[in-house]
Amino acid sequence: MHPLEKKIERLIRQEKLLARGDRLVLGVSAGPDSMALLHLLAALAPAWGWSLLAVYLDHGLRPGETAQEAALVREAAGRLGAGFASERVDVQGEAGRRGLSLEHSGRLLRYEVFARLAEGGGAKIVVAHTADEQAEEILLRLLRGTGRKGLAGMATVREGQVVRPLLTTAKEEVLAYLADRKIDFAVDSSNQDRRYLRNRVRLDLLPHLADRYNPNIAENLRQTGMILQDEEAFLAAAAERAWPAVVTRDGGEGGLVMALPQFAGEPRAIRRRLLETACWRCGQRPSFKIIGQLLELAEDDTSGSRLHLGGGLRVSKQGGQLIFNRPQGNKPLRGDLGEPAAAPFSVEIAGAGVYPIPEIGRLLVVELLASLPAPASLEGADWLDAELLSFPLLARSVRAGDRFRPLGAPGRKKVGDFFTDAKVARAERRRVVVVESAGRVAALAGYRIEHAFRVTAATGRVLKIRLQPL
């Protein structure tokens, strides 16, 4: 067995990249890396019981070269006992339709074909990215701008299906293997085309950095990527643990709701990760700018603030919550989409319990407690002196002429004036829950309580009220 075959088998076993009996869909372009991958896995296949399908894709960009490349892959696959498939994709046309670069369009189409041939996840997709390409990718992402996850580079296993066994193997090892095994391969002429940024990074920038600054630049980039991958895995696990406590409703692309007190209690790095995950869940690509805007919105003291994102996605801050939703569906709409006005509502509150308010999609949770809890537990709810309230209470929508004395204020004011001072958006005012006691405004749930019903040293029983999604 060749030393590189031993190395790859050891890596597969140690990292559990592949299992015995796997069906493997291999991306084989006829270039040196993918031809080496095909031969390496074919050499290991009998002992592991793998079945191999070599897939050649014609991107429609080099009509003078593709027939010879496809024939080379077909011949090698047949000789090695692997299956063969060839398909053509319209990279240029798809790039124009989606508004993407040729590189991005090609990558999307490739993986769409691989996924289809893998029959919805029944097979593993194996691609031939090498350690040299990992260094190029990390530098490329740094140039374009990215976070820790981007700087971690490509993963050896992505989403449990895409596998890159050569990601720790240098190009020179691949070329030595091809020479030793006398394996023919083709050279893609587009790899020398400096119109593509990736090629300029590989042909110009990395050699320049190695020559003028650090001869080990490629290795240092790969090592940095490996360190960041470990740290990325740790942060991803921490964010995943925090998700259920922070996200009170998750409707996928339809929207989700975050509880701001719980969100604010997480370290900033985890808050970023939670927002990134929320964006992906809602079908929004999370850029540095978008995450910064979302952090600013979450930390803003003004309820009713709103952020307009792509595809009709709106993010608003309402009553201690950060709400991601699409009021008019997944459409590229501009401006305030004007959520339908909440119908007037009125719910009698007989005592402790959970009271649905379907008109605004909320539940009013009411609890009676013997005393006020520790300060750390006070966030996310309103607290009133239960002995001063007259049951049944009324949970209702705001009415013209409502007045109250906001907690800590010197005197009474109109609820409308309070909303203006607090910068509560007009659309949100129709969804505010007024808690009324014997005809008096006792609280605007999630905003401010009436000063007269505040908890004092003389308070006996305490009333806790909070809103949550229906």
Protein backbone atom coordinates (compact mmCIF):
# COMPACT_ATOMS: atom_id res chain seq x y z
CA MET A 1 0.00 0.00 0.00
CA HIS A 2 1.30 3.45 -0.91
CA PRO A 3 2.23 5.75 2.05
CA LEU A 4 -0.47 8.25 1.05
CA GLU A 5 -3.09 5.49 0.94
CA LYS A 6 -2.04 4.48 4.46
CA LYS A 7 -2.22 8.11 5.60
CA ILE A 8 -5.72 8.65 4.20
CA GLU A 9 -7.00 5.36 5.61
CA ARG A 10 -5.60 6.24 9.04
CA LEU A 11 -7.27 9.66 8.87
CA ILE A 12 -10.60 8.14 7.81
CA ARG A 13 -10.47 5.67 10.68
CA GLN A 14 -9.32 8.14 13.36
CA GLU A 15 -11.71 10.93 12.37
CA LYS A 16 -14.56 8.55 11.43
CA LEU A 17 -14.91 10.34 8.10
CA LEU A 18 -16.44 7.31 6.39
CA ALA A 19 -17.96 4.03 7.52
CA ARG A 20 -17.80 0.52 6.17
CA GLY A 21 -20.28 -0.10 3.40
CA ASP A 22 -20.77 3.59 2.56
CA ARG A 23 -21.88 4.65 -0.89
CA LEU A 24 -19.58 7.43 -2.08
CA VAL A 25 -20.37 10.11 -4.66
CA LEU A 26 -17.00 11.54 -5.76
CA GLY A 27 -16.60 14.88 -7.48
CA VAL A 28 -13.97 14.11 -10.15
CA SER A 29 -12.98 16.93 -12.50
CA ALA A 30 -10.05 14.99 -14.06
CA GLY A 31 -7.63 17.40 -12.34
CA PRO A 32 -4.73 16.09 -10.24
CA ASP A 33 -6.46 16.35 -6.85
CA SER A 34 -9.70 14.63 -7.81
CA MET A 35 -7.96 11.91 -9.85
CA ALA A 36 -5.76 11.19 -6.85
CA LEU A 37 -8.87 11.04 -4.64
CA LEU A 38 -10.56 8.57 -6.99
CA HIS A 39 -7.54 6.25 -7.03
CA LEU A 40 -6.95 6.53 -3.27
CA LEU A 41 -10.51 5.58 -2.37
CA ALA A 42 -10.65 2.88 -5.04
CA ALA A 43 -7.54 1.33 -3.48
CA LEU A 44 -9.23 1.30 -0.06
CA ALA A 45 -12.71 0.36 -1.26
CA PRO A 46 -12.39 -3.47 -1.21
CA ALA A 47 -11.38 -3.56 2.45
CA TRP A 48 -14.09 -1.06 3.45
CA GLY A 49 -16.87 -2.35 1.25
CA TRP A 50 -17.47 1.02 -0.40
CA SER A 51 -19.25 1.55 -3.71
CA LEU A 52 -17.92 4.51 -5.68
CA LEU A 53 -19.62 6.79 -8.22
CA ALA A 54 -17.27 9.19 -10.02
CA VAL A 55 -19.19 12.28 -11.17
CA TYR A 56 -17.87 14.61 -13.86
CA LEU A 57 -19.59 17.97 -14.32
CA ASP A 58 -19.36 20.06 -17.47
CA HIS A 59 -19.85 23.67 -16.37
CA GLY A 60 -20.35 24.88 -19.93
CA LEU A 61 -17.37 27.25 -19.70
CA ARG A 62 -14.62 25.32 -21.52
CA PRO A 63 -16.18 23.48 -24.50
CA GLY A 64 -12.80 22.61 -25.98
CA GLU A 65 -11.58 20.64 -22.95
CA THR A 66 -14.53 18.92 -21.31
CA ALA A 67 -14.95 15.96 -23.69
CA GLN A 68 -11.36 14.83 -23.09
CA GLU A 69 -11.69 15.32 -19.33
CA ALA A 70 -14.93 13.34 -19.16
CA ALA A 71 -13.36 10.51 -21.16
CA LEU A 72 -10.37 10.43 -18.81
CA VAL A 73 -12.62 10.13 -15.74
CA ARG A 74 -14.85 7.52 -17.42
CA GLU A 75 -11.88 5.36 -18.34
CA ALA A 76 -10.33 5.58 -14.87
CA ALA A 77 -13.65 4.83 -13.14
CA GLY A 78 -14.24 1.78 -15.34
CA ARG A 79 -10.75 0.44 -14.76
CA LEU A 80 -11.07 0.92 -10.98
CA GLY A 81 -14.51 -0.68 -10.70
CA ALA A 82 -16.30 2.59 -9.89
CA GLY A 83 -19.51 3.88 -11.41
CA PHE A 84 -19.48 6.93 -13.65
CA ALA A 85 -21.91 9.80 -14.27
CA SER A 86 -21.53 12.94 -16.35
CA GLU A 87 -23.80 15.97 -16.28
CA ARG A 88 -23.82 19.45 -17.75
CA VAL A 89 -24.80 22.54 -15.76
CA ASP A 90 -25.35 26.08 -17.03
CA VAL A 91 -23.09 28.03 -14.69
CA GLN A 92 -23.13 31.25 -16.68
CA GLY A 93 -26.91 31.29 -17.12
CA GLU A 94 -27.54 30.46 -13.48
CA ALA A 95 -25.09 33.17 -12.37
CA GLY A 96 -27.08 35.71 -14.37
CA ARG A 97 -30.43 34.51 -13.03
CA ARG A 98 -29.30 34.51 -9.39
CA GLY A 99 -27.02 37.54 -9.59
CA LEU A 100 -23.99 35.50 -8.49
CA SER A 101 -20.36 35.24 -9.55
CA LEU A 102 -19.40 32.35 -11.82
CA GLU A 103 -17.48 30.74 -8.95
CA HIS A 104 -20.41 30.93 -6.54
CA SER A 105 -22.89 29.74 -9.15
CA GLY A 106 -20.65 26.81 -10.08
CA ARG A 107 -20.26 25.75 -6.48
CA LEU A 108 -24.02 25.83 -5.84
CA LEU A 109 -24.82 23.84 -8.98
CA ARG A 110 -22.13 21.26 -8.26
CA TYR A 111 -23.45 20.47 -4.82
CA GLU A 112 -27.04 20.41 -6.08
CA VAL A 113 -26.05 17.69 -8.56
CA PHE A 114 -24.00 15.80 -5.95
CA ALA A 115 -26.90 15.92 -3.46
CA ARG A 116 -29.36 14.60 -6.06
CA LEU A 117 -27.03 11.75 -7.00
CA ALA A 118 -26.53 10.99 -3.32
CA GLU A 119 -30.30 10.41 -3.20
CA GLY A 120 -31.22 12.87 -0.49
CA GLY A 121 -28.42 12.01 1.91
CA GLY A 122 -28.20 8.23 1.44
CA ALA A 123 -24.61 8.49 0.23
CA LYS A 124 -21.58 10.53 1.26
CA ILE A 125 -20.35 13.28 -1.07
CA VAL A 126 -16.55 13.22 -1.27
CA VAL A 127 -14.58 16.12 -2.72
CA ALA A 128 -10.85 16.65 -3.26
CA HIS A 129 -9.94 19.92 -1.52
CA THR A 130 -6.32 19.80 -0.33
CA ALA A 131 -4.35 21.54 2.40
CA ASP A 132 -3.13 24.11 -0.14
CA GLU A 133 -6.72 24.97 -1.05
CA GLN A 134 -7.52 25.31 2.64
CA ALA A 135 -4.83 27.98 2.99
CA GLU A 136 -6.14 29.74 -0.12
CA GLU A 137 -9.71 29.61 1.18
CA ILE A 138 -8.81 31.08 4.58
CA LEU A 139 -6.86 33.94 2.98
CA LEU A 140 -9.68 34.53 0.49
CA ARG A 141 -12.27 34.73 3.26
CA LEU A 142 -10.04 37.12 5.19
CA LEU A 143 -9.84 39.39 2.15
CA ARG A 144 -13.61 39.34 1.65
CA GLY A 145 -14.35 39.81 5.33
CA THR A 146 -15.60 37.10 7.66
CA GLY A 147 -15.83 36.04 11.29
CA ARG A 148 -14.30 33.23 13.31
CA LYS A 149 -16.34 30.57 11.52
CA GLY A 150 -15.14 31.76 8.12
CA LEU A 151 -11.53 31.95 9.23
CA ALA A 152 -11.77 28.35 10.44
CA GLY A 153 -11.77 27.41 6.76
CA MET A 154 -13.40 24.38 5.21
CA ALA A 155 -14.51 21.58 7.51
CA THR A 156 -13.27 18.03 6.95
CA VAL A 157 -16.89 16.92 7.31
CA ARG A 158 -19.74 19.31 6.52
CA GLU A 159 -23.28 18.66 7.69
CA GLY A 160 -22.46 14.98 8.13
CA GLN A 161 -22.45 14.34 4.37
CA VAL A 162 -19.74 16.27 2.52
CA VAL A 163 -16.31 14.75 3.27
CA ARG A 164 -12.86 16.14 2.39
CA PRO A 165 -10.28 13.40 3.07
CA LEU A 166 -7.40 15.36 1.44
CA LEU A 167 -7.85 18.53 3.47
CA THR A 168 -4.67 17.88 5.50
CA THR A 169 -2.68 16.63 2.49
CA ALA A 170 -0.34 19.02 0.70
CA LYS A 171 -0.42 19.38 -3.07
CA GLU A 172 3.13 18.07 -3.39
CA GLU A 173 2.04 14.80 -1.71
CA VAL A 174 -0.79 14.48 -4.20
CA LEU A 175 1.53 15.07 -7.19
CA ALA A 176 4.06 12.58 -5.82
CA TYR A 177 1.32 9.95 -5.50
CA LEU A 178 0.16 10.55 -9.07
CA ALA A 179 3.74 10.14 -10.31
CA ASP A 180 4.34 7.00 -8.27
CA ARG A 181 1.10 5.38 -9.49
CA LYS A 182 1.52 6.71 -13.04
CA ILE A 183 -1.95 8.24 -12.97
CA ASP A 184 -2.97 10.50 -15.85
CA PHE A 185 -4.77 13.76 -15.13
CA ALA A 186 -5.87 16.90 -16.95
CA VAL A 187 -5.03 20.52 -16.25
CA ASP A 188 -7.96 22.95 -16.18
CA SER A 189 -6.96 26.01 -18.20
CA SER A 190 -9.32 28.23 -16.19
CA ASN A 191 -7.10 27.67 -13.13
CA GLN A 192 -4.66 30.12 -14.72
CA ASP A 193 -7.29 32.78 -15.44
CA ARG A 194 -6.49 35.77 -13.24
CA ARG A 195 -9.95 37.24 -13.68
CA TYR A 196 -10.95 35.00 -10.80
CA LEU A 197 -9.96 36.22 -7.34
CA ARG A 198 -9.24 32.69 -6.12
CA ASN A 199 -6.68 32.23 -8.89
CA ARG A 200 -5.00 35.55 -8.09
CA VAL A 201 -4.73 34.49 -4.45
CA ARG A 202 -3.17 31.16 -5.43
CA LEU A 203 -0.92 32.39 -8.26
CA ASP A 204 0.09 35.83 -7.00
CA LEU A 205 -0.75 36.68 -3.40
CA LEU A 206 0.32 33.53 -1.57
CA PRO A 207 3.65 33.25 -3.46
CA HIS A 208 4.27 36.96 -2.80
CA LEU A 209 3.60 36.54 0.94
CA ALA A 210 5.81 33.44 1.06
CA ASP A 211 8.63 35.18 -0.82
CA ARG A 212 8.55 38.56 0.92
CA TYR A 213 7.10 37.92 4.39
CA ASN A 214 6.91 34.32 5.60
CA PRO A 215 7.89 31.18 3.66
CA ASN A 216 5.56 29.17 5.95
CA ILE A 217 2.51 31.36 5.34
CA ALA A 218 0.41 28.53 3.88
CA GLU A 219 1.16 26.21 6.78
CA ASN A 220 0.48 28.98 9.31
CA LEU A 221 -2.89 29.69 7.70
CA ARG A 222 -3.81 25.99 7.86
CA GLN A 223 -2.77 25.75 11.51
CA THR A 224 -4.77 28.88 12.36
CA GLY A 225 -7.77 27.30 10.64
CA MET A 226 -7.39 24.12 12.69
CA ILE A 227 -7.25 26.08 15.96
CA LEU A 228 -10.27 28.16 15.01
CA GLN A 229 -12.22 25.05 14.01
CA ASP A 230 -11.81 23.67 17.55
CA GLU A 231 -12.84 27.00 19.06
CA GLU A 232 -15.71 27.27 16.59
CA ALA A 233 -17.00 23.86 17.69
CA PHE A 234 -16.91 25.00 21.33
CA LEU A 235 -18.80 28.23 20.58
CA ALA A 236 -21.32 26.39 18.41
CA ALA A 237 -22.06 23.98 21.27
CA ALA A 238 -22.42 26.86 23.75
CA ALA A 239 -24.82 28.69 21.43
CA GLU A 240 -26.81 25.50 20.87
CA ARG A 241 -27.19 25.06 24.64
CA ALA A 242 -28.36 28.67 25.02
CA TRP A 243 -30.84 28.53 22.12
CA PRO A 244 -33.81 26.86 23.95
CA ALA A 245 -33.64 29.36 26.84
CA VAL A 246 -33.35 32.42 24.59
CA VAL A 247 -35.68 31.49 21.72
CA THR A 248 -39.26 31.22 22.94
CA ARG A 249 -40.76 30.49 19.52
CA ASP A 250 -39.01 29.11 16.45
CA GLY A 251 -41.02 29.00 13.26
CA GLY A 252 -38.05 28.65 10.89
CA GLU A 253 -38.28 30.97 7.88
CA GLY A 254 -41.67 32.14 9.13
CA GLY A 255 -39.97 33.89 12.03
CA LEU A 256 -38.92 33.44 15.63
CA VAL A 257 -38.96 35.24 18.97
CA MET A 258 -36.05 35.85 21.36
CA ALA A 259 -36.46 36.70 25.03
CA LEU A 260 -34.23 39.73 25.53
CA PRO A 261 -33.48 39.27 29.26
CA GLN A 262 -32.11 35.78 28.59
CA PHE A 263 -30.36 36.99 25.44
CA ALA A 264 -28.68 39.85 27.30
CA GLY A 265 -27.41 37.41 29.94
CA GLU A 266 -25.22 35.58 27.43
CA PRO A 267 -21.62 36.63 26.60
CA ARG A 268 -21.39 38.87 23.55
CA ALA A 269 -19.73 36.13 21.49
CA ILE A 270 -22.71 33.83 22.13
CA ARG A 271 -25.16 36.66 21.42
CA ARG A 272 -23.54 37.06 18.01
CA ARG A 273 -23.84 33.33 17.37
CA LEU A 274 -27.49 33.31 18.41
CA LEU A 275 -28.26 36.16 16.02
CA GLU A 276 -26.35 34.44 13.20
CA THR A 277 -28.36 31.26 13.80
CA ALA A 278 -31.59 33.26 13.89
CA CYS A 279 -30.74 34.83 10.53
CA TRP A 280 -29.98 31.48 8.93
CA ARG A 281 -33.18 30.01 10.39
CA CYS A 282 -35.15 32.89 8.84
CA GLY A 283 -33.46 32.54 5.45
CA GLN A 284 -31.27 35.64 5.85
CA ARG A 285 -27.50 35.53 5.21
CA PRO A 286 -25.90 37.08 8.32
CA SER A 287 -23.28 39.65 7.33
CA PHE A 288 -21.10 41.54 9.81
CA LYS A 289 -23.20 44.64 9.19
CA ILE A 290 -26.50 42.85 9.83
CA ILE A 291 -25.28 41.24 13.06
CA GLY A 292 -24.02 44.64 14.24
CA GLN A 293 -27.41 46.20 13.50
CA LEU A 294 -29.22 43.41 15.33
CA LEU A 295 -26.96 43.76 18.38
CA GLU A 296 -27.64 47.50 18.40
CA LEU A 297 -31.39 46.88 18.12
CA ALA A 298 -31.34 44.35 20.97
CA GLU A 299 -29.41 46.72 23.22
CA ASP A 300 -31.55 49.78 22.34
CA ASP A 301 -33.77 50.94 25.22
CA THR A 302 -36.56 51.91 22.82
CA SER A 303 -39.36 49.37 22.45
CA GLY A 304 -40.99 49.33 19.03
CA SER A 305 -37.72 49.85 17.14
CA ARG A 306 -37.57 47.91 13.89
CA LEU A 307 -34.96 46.71 11.41
CA HIS A 308 -35.78 45.97 7.76
CA LEU A 309 -33.85 43.05 6.26
CA GLY A 310 -34.05 41.30 2.90
CA GLY A 311 -36.92 39.16 1.63
CA GLY A 312 -39.53 41.02 3.66
CA LEU A 313 -37.89 40.01 6.96
CA ARG A 314 -38.52 42.48 9.77
CA VAL A 315 -36.94 42.41 13.22
CA SER A 316 -38.60 44.43 15.95
CA LYS A 317 -38.11 44.99 19.65
CA GLN A 318 -41.39 44.67 21.52
CA GLY A 319 -42.08 44.16 25.20
CA GLY A 320 -38.82 42.49 26.16
CA GLN A 321 -38.68 40.42 22.97
CA LEU A 322 -36.76 40.49 19.71
CA ILE A 323 -39.22 39.37 17.04
CA PHE A 324 -38.17 38.09 13.60
CA ASN A 325 -41.10 37.82 11.19
CA ARG A 326 -42.33 38.32 7.65
CA PRO A 327 -45.64 40.19 7.85
CA GLN A 328 -46.31 39.65 4.15
CA GLY A 329 -44.35 36.49 3.44
CA ASN A 330 -40.97 35.90 1.84
CA LYS A 331 -41.02 38.73 -0.68
CA PRO A 332 -38.47 41.43 -1.58
CA LEU A 333 -40.56 44.29 -0.14
CA ARG A 334 -39.37 47.70 0.99
CA GLY A 335 -40.50 49.98 3.78
CA ASP A 336 -42.85 49.38 6.69
CA LEU A 337 -44.95 46.39 5.74
CA GLY A 338 -47.73 47.47 8.06
CA GLU A 339 -48.66 44.44 10.12
CA PRO A 340 -52.43 44.12 10.37
CA ALA A 341 -53.81 46.21 13.20
CA ALA A 342 -54.68 44.15 16.27
CA ALA A 343 -58.41 44.02 16.92
CA PRO A 344 -59.57 45.48 20.25
CA PHE A 345 -59.50 42.86 23.00
CA SER A 346 -60.70 42.44 26.58
CA VAL A 347 -59.96 39.46 28.84
CA GLU A 348 -61.12 39.09 32.45
CA ILE A 349 -58.37 38.06 34.88
CA ALA A 350 -59.96 36.19 37.76
CA GLY A 351 -56.67 35.27 39.44
CA ALA A 352 -53.45 33.40 38.83
CA GLY A 353 -53.35 31.58 35.49
CA VAL A 354 -52.50 31.78 31.81
CA TYR A 355 -54.80 33.93 29.68
CA PRO A 356 -54.62 33.74 25.86
CA ILE A 357 -55.03 36.98 23.89
CA PRO A 358 -55.38 35.67 20.33
CA GLU A 359 -55.86 39.14 18.84
CA ILE A 360 -52.18 39.91 19.47
CA GLY A 361 -50.80 36.37 19.52
CA ARG A 362 -49.73 36.54 23.18
CA LEU A 363 -50.36 34.80 26.47
CA LEU A 364 -50.66 36.83 29.67
CA VAL A 365 -49.15 34.79 32.49
CA VAL A 366 -50.35 35.85 35.95
CA GLU A 367 -48.81 34.58 39.21
CA LEU A 368 -49.47 35.38 42.86
CA LEU A 369 -46.39 35.14 45.11
CA ALA A 370 -45.89 35.44 48.85
CA SER A 371 -42.99 37.86 48.42
CA LEU A 372 -40.77 39.53 45.86
CA PRO A 373 -37.97 37.21 44.60
CA ALA A 374 -34.27 38.06 44.45
CA PRO A 375 -33.37 40.98 42.14
CA ALA A 376 -31.77 38.64 39.61
CA SER A 377 -35.19 37.08 38.96
CA LEU A 378 -37.09 40.33 38.37
CA GLU A 379 -36.26 40.80 34.69
CA GLY A 380 -38.84 40.04 32.03
CA ALA A 381 -41.96 40.65 34.16
CA ASP A 382 -43.99 43.35 35.90
CA TRP A 383 -44.45 43.25 39.68
CA LEU A 384 -47.37 44.84 41.54
CA ASP A 385 -48.72 44.89 45.09
CA ALA A 386 -51.52 42.31 44.90
CA GLU A 387 -53.20 43.64 48.06
CA LEU A 388 -53.90 46.97 46.33
CA LEU A 389 -55.54 45.40 43.28
CA SER A 390 -59.24 44.60 42.88
CA PHE A 391 -60.03 41.28 41.23
CA PRO A 392 -61.19 40.45 38.67
CA LEU A 393 -58.69 42.49 36.70
CA LEU A 394 -59.12 43.31 33.03
CA ALA A 395 -56.50 42.79 30.33
CA ARG A 396 -57.49 45.00 27.42
CA SER A 397 -56.25 47.07 24.53
CA VAL A 398 -55.39 50.75 24.93
CA ARG A 399 -58.31 53.18 24.84
CA ALA A 400 -58.40 56.86 24.01
CA GLY A 401 -58.09 58.93 27.18
CA ASP A 402 -56.24 56.30 29.23
CA ARG A 403 -54.07 57.94 31.87
CA PHE A 404 -51.74 56.70 34.59
CA ARG A 405 -48.75 57.69 36.68
CA PRO A 406 -45.73 55.78 35.33
CA LEU A 407 -43.58 54.23 38.05
CA GLY A 408 -41.18 56.87 39.37
CA ALA A 409 -42.82 59.74 37.45
CA PRO A 410 -43.81 62.97 39.29
CA GLY A 411 -47.42 62.86 38.10
CA ARG A 412 -50.07 61.37 35.81
CA LYS A 413 -49.94 61.54 32.03
CA LYS A 414 -51.83 60.25 29.04
CA VAL A 415 -50.83 56.77 27.96
CA GLY A 416 -50.40 58.17 24.43
CA ASP A 417 -47.89 60.72 25.71
CA PHE A 418 -46.04 57.97 27.56
CA PHE A 419 -45.79 56.00 24.29
CA THR A 420 -44.44 59.09 22.52
CA ASP A 421 -41.81 59.69 25.21
CA ALA A 422 -40.83 56.00 25.21
CA LYS A 423 -40.66 55.98 21.38
CA VAL A 424 -43.14 53.11 21.10
CA ALA A 425 -44.05 52.64 17.42
CA ARG A 426 -47.67 53.40 16.54
CA ALA A 427 -48.22 49.92 15.10
CA GLU A 428 -47.00 48.39 18.36
CA ARG A 429 -49.29 50.53 20.54
CA ARG A 430 -52.30 48.58 19.27
CA ARG A 431 -50.73 45.41 20.70
CA VAL A 432 -49.95 46.77 24.18
CA VAL A 433 -51.85 45.06 27.02
CA VAL A 434 -53.39 47.39 29.60
CA VAL A 435 -54.00 45.71 32.96
CA GLU A 436 -56.93 47.48 34.59
CA SER A 437 -57.99 47.30 38.26
CA ALA A 438 -61.37 48.76 39.24
CA GLY A 439 -61.33 51.12 36.29
CA ARG A 440 -57.72 52.28 36.82
CA VAL A 441 -54.70 51.51 34.65
CA ALA A 442 -52.53 49.30 36.85
CA ALA A 443 -49.87 48.47 34.25
CA LEU A 444 -48.91 48.58 30.61
CA ALA A 445 -47.63 45.00 30.48
CA GLY A 446 -43.98 44.86 29.53
CA TYR A 447 -43.59 48.66 29.63
CA ARG A 448 -44.41 50.35 32.96
CA ILE A 449 -46.66 49.86 35.98
CA GLU A 450 -48.79 52.49 37.73
CA HIS A 451 -46.78 54.09 40.55
CA ALA A 452 -49.61 53.56 43.07
CA PHE A 453 -49.45 49.77 42.66
CA ARG A 454 -45.70 49.45 43.13
CA VAL A 455 -44.19 46.93 45.54
CA THR A 456 -43.00 48.50 48.81
CA ALA A 457 -41.68 47.31 52.15
CA ALA A 458 -45.27 47.05 53.33
CA THR A 459 -46.32 44.74 50.48
CA GLY A 460 -47.67 41.33 51.37
CA ARG A 461 -48.60 39.26 48.34
CA VAL A 462 -47.05 40.15 45.00
CA LEU A 463 -48.64 39.90 41.55
CA LYS A 464 -46.30 38.93 38.72
CA ILE A 465 -47.45 39.45 35.14
CA ARG A 466 -45.57 38.70 31.94
CA LEU A 467 -46.33 38.24 28.26
CA GLN A 468 -45.14 35.37 26.09
CA PRO A 469 -45.92 34.21 22.55
CA LEU A 470 -49.16 32.31 22.06
